[in-house]
Protein backbone atom coordinates (compact mmCIF):
# COMPACT_ATOMS: atom_id res chain seq x y z
CA MET A 1 9.05 0.08 -2.54
CA LEU A 2 10.78 -2.67 -4.44
CA HIS A 3 8.03 -4.84 -5.90
CA PRO A 4 4.51 -3.46 -5.96
CA THR A 5 1.95 -6.19 -6.47
CA LYS A 6 -1.49 -4.92 -5.45
CA VAL A 7 -3.40 -1.91 -6.67
CA PHE A 8 -6.74 -0.87 -5.20
CA VAL A 9 -9.04 1.45 -7.16
CA THR A 10 -11.93 3.21 -5.44
CA VAL A 11 -14.64 5.62 -6.52
CA GLY A 12 -16.23 5.82 -3.06
CA THR A 13 -20.01 6.05 -2.92
CA THR A 14 -20.21 8.02 -6.14
CA GLU A 15 -20.50 7.21 -9.82
CA PHE A 16 -17.23 7.63 -11.72
CA ASP A 17 -17.71 5.45 -14.79
CA LYS A 18 -14.95 7.23 -16.72
CA LEU A 19 -12.42 5.91 -14.21
CA VAL A 20 -13.94 2.42 -14.01
CA SER A 21 -14.10 2.21 -17.83
CA LEU A 22 -10.32 2.54 -17.98
CA PHE A 23 -10.18 -0.85 -16.24
CA ALA A 24 -12.51 -2.35 -18.84
CA VAL A 25 -9.70 -2.28 -21.41
CA LYS A 26 -6.59 -4.44 -21.47
CA GLU A 27 -4.26 -1.49 -22.13
CA THR A 28 -4.63 -0.22 -18.56
CA LEU A 29 -3.89 -3.63 -17.11
CA LYS A 30 -0.84 -3.98 -19.35
CA VAL A 31 0.51 -0.71 -17.93
CA LEU A 32 -0.06 -2.00 -14.39
CA GLU A 33 1.64 -5.27 -15.30
CA LYS A 34 4.69 -3.42 -16.63
CA LYS A 35 4.90 -1.59 -13.28
CA GLY A 36 4.94 -4.95 -11.47
CA PHE A 37 1.34 -5.18 -10.32
CA THR A 38 -0.22 -8.64 -10.32
CA HIS A 39 -3.53 -7.95 -8.60
CA ALA A 40 -6.13 -5.18 -9.03
CA THR A 41 -9.21 -4.76 -6.87
CA LEU A 42 -11.80 -2.19 -7.90
CA GLN A 43 -14.57 -0.69 -5.80
CA THR A 44 -16.95 0.60 -8.48
CA GLY A 45 -19.71 2.40 -6.55
CA LYS A 46 -23.05 3.10 -8.19
CA GLY A 47 -21.85 3.40 -11.78
CA ILE A 48 -22.95 1.02 -14.52
CA THR A 49 -19.61 0.25 -16.16
CA GLU A 50 -18.15 -3.18 -15.43
CA PRO A 51 -14.36 -3.57 -15.41
CA LEU A 52 -12.61 -6.63 -16.78
CA CYS A 53 -12.51 -9.51 -14.31
CA GLY A 54 -10.41 -12.59 -13.82
CA GLN A 55 -6.94 -13.08 -15.20
CA VAL A 56 -5.91 -10.43 -17.74
CA GLY A 57 -2.31 -11.06 -18.75
CA LYS A 58 -0.46 -11.43 -15.46
CA VAL A 59 -2.95 -9.27 -13.53
CA THR A 60 -5.81 -10.79 -11.56
CA VAL A 61 -8.74 -8.38 -11.48
CA GLU A 62 -11.73 -8.41 -9.13
CA HIS A 63 -14.36 -5.83 -8.29
CA TYR A 64 -17.30 -5.06 -6.06
CA ARG A 65 -19.67 -2.12 -5.68
CA TYR A 66 -19.66 -1.49 -1.92
CA LYS A 67 -18.37 -2.85 1.37
CA PRO A 68 -18.95 -1.57 4.89
CA SER A 69 -15.27 -0.60 5.05
CA LEU A 70 -12.46 -0.19 2.54
CA GLN A 71 -9.79 -0.34 5.23
CA GLU A 72 -8.69 -3.91 4.46
CA ASP A 73 -8.33 -3.20 0.73
CA ILE A 74 -6.44 0.02 1.39
CA SER A 75 -4.16 -1.64 3.94
CA SER A 76 -3.23 -4.49 1.61
CA ALA A 77 -2.60 -2.25 -1.43
CA ASP A 78 0.82 -1.16 -2.66
CA LEU A 79 -0.88 1.68 -4.55
CA VAL A 80 -4.34 3.18 -4.19
CA ILE A 81 -5.93 4.88 -7.19
CA SER A 82 -8.85 6.95 -5.97
CA HIS A 83 -11.37 9.57 -6.90
CA ALA A 84 -10.56 12.86 -5.17
CA GLY A 85 -13.10 12.59 -2.37
CA ALA A 86 -11.65 13.98 0.86
CA GLY A 87 -12.66 10.89 2.87
CA SER A 88 -11.01 8.45 0.48
CA CYS A 89 -7.86 10.58 0.23
CA LEU A 90 -7.45 11.01 3.98
CA GLU A 91 -8.21 7.36 4.78
CA THR A 92 -5.55 6.26 2.30
CA LEU A 93 -2.94 8.78 3.42
CA GLU A 94 -3.54 8.06 7.11
CA ALA A 95 -2.99 4.36 6.34
CA GLY A 96 0.42 5.32 4.95
CA LYS A 97 -0.34 4.11 1.43
CA PRO A 98 0.86 5.67 -1.84
CA LEU A 99 -2.01 7.48 -3.53
CA LEU A 100 -2.78 8.45 -7.10
CA VAL A 101 -5.85 10.69 -7.20
CA VAL A 102 -7.92 10.81 -10.39
CA ILE A 103 -9.85 14.05 -10.81
CA ASN A 104 -13.40 13.84 -12.15
CA ASN A 105 -13.46 16.77 -14.57
CA ASP A 106 -17.22 16.39 -15.02
CA LEU A 107 -17.98 17.70 -11.54
CA MET A 108 -19.27 21.25 -11.24
CA GLY A 109 -17.02 23.68 -9.34
CA ASN A 110 -14.34 21.04 -9.09
CA HIS A 111 -13.26 21.37 -5.44
CA GLN A 112 -11.56 17.98 -5.80
CA LEU A 113 -8.89 19.54 -7.98
CA GLU A 114 -8.02 22.03 -5.22
CA LEU A 115 -7.55 19.23 -2.67
CA ALA A 116 -5.46 17.14 -5.08
CA LYS A 117 -3.26 20.09 -6.04
CA GLN A 118 -2.54 20.94 -2.41
CA LEU A 119 -1.76 17.33 -1.42
CA HIS A 120 0.49 17.02 -4.49
CA GLN A 121 2.22 20.33 -3.72
CA ASP A 122 2.93 18.99 -0.23
CA GLY A 123 4.47 15.86 -1.81
CA HIS A 124 1.89 13.37 -0.51
CA ILE A 125 0.16 12.23 -3.71
CA TYR A 126 0.22 12.14 -7.47
CA TYR A 127 -2.85 13.28 -9.36
CA CYS A 128 -4.17 13.18 -12.90
CA ASP A 129 -7.43 12.94 -14.78
CA CYS A 130 -8.81 10.02 -16.77
CA GLY A 131 -7.08 11.24 -19.92
CA THR A 132 -3.62 11.11 -18.35
CA LEU A 133 -4.04 8.11 -16.00
CA LEU A 134 -2.00 5.63 -18.04
CA GLN A 135 0.88 8.05 -18.56
CA THR A 136 0.86 8.95 -14.85
CA ILE A 137 0.94 5.29 -13.79
CA GLN A 138 3.93 4.76 -16.08
CA GLU A 139 5.78 7.76 -14.63
CA ILE A 140 4.83 7.45 -10.96
CA ASP A 141 7.63 7.08 -8.42
CA ILE A 142 5.96 5.75 -5.28
CA ASP A 143 9.15 6.08 -3.25
CA SER A 144 9.28 9.85 -3.81
CA LEU A 145 6.04 10.50 -1.90
CA LYS A 146 6.29 12.05 1.56
CA PRO A 147 4.47 10.46 4.51
CA PHE A 148 1.27 12.19 5.58
CA ASN A 149 1.08 13.10 9.25
CA LYS A 150 -2.35 12.80 10.79
CA GLY A 151 -3.80 15.97 12.20
CA ASP A 152 -4.04 16.42 15.93
CA PRO A 153 -7.64 17.37 16.84
CA ALA A 154 -6.48 18.50 20.30
CA LYS A 155 -4.36 21.25 18.73
CA PHE A 156 -7.33 22.49 16.72
CA GLY A 157 -9.53 22.43 19.82
CA ALA A 158 -6.93 24.39 21.79
CA PHE A 159 -6.69 26.91 18.95
CA LEU A 160 -10.48 27.40 18.95
CA ASP A 161 -10.58 27.66 22.76
CA ASN A 162 -7.92 30.35 22.61
CA LYS A 163 -9.71 32.30 19.85
CA MET A 164 -13.02 32.09 21.73
CA GLY A 165 -11.43 33.23 24.98
CA PHE A 166 -11.94 29.95 26.84
CA SER A 167 -8.28 29.48 27.74
């Protein structure tokens, strides 16, 4: 990817104010600007923190809480920064978009970390937590990520049929 311009940040239907609060300070937007981003859209969910809005340096920032679908925002993004919810991760990867997953360390029994580690190990994503987000954005190499191949439900069905003795 030669010139990234749009970043989309999503927290899904949850509250992840620690992530949103990073977009309430100019330092984060300066890091994005240095990486070539000129537009940031944030989906902020049910949290209470408000990100910066309008023109911040060379980055135009907008946000909303919810939409019926995030597909348009994901499709138009050059980078998606997301909480580690399985739905958000898979929707982004299936759309063929580069993904940086931000782990919410405040969750109990952090299953999100397991998902992020596996997707990173497979070369599909980068991941970090709120404390390392800025450094990770600076170091990220979008072009090094491997495409994610959608699963084939028919193969899984055939596997189950075989195991259950139906085939």
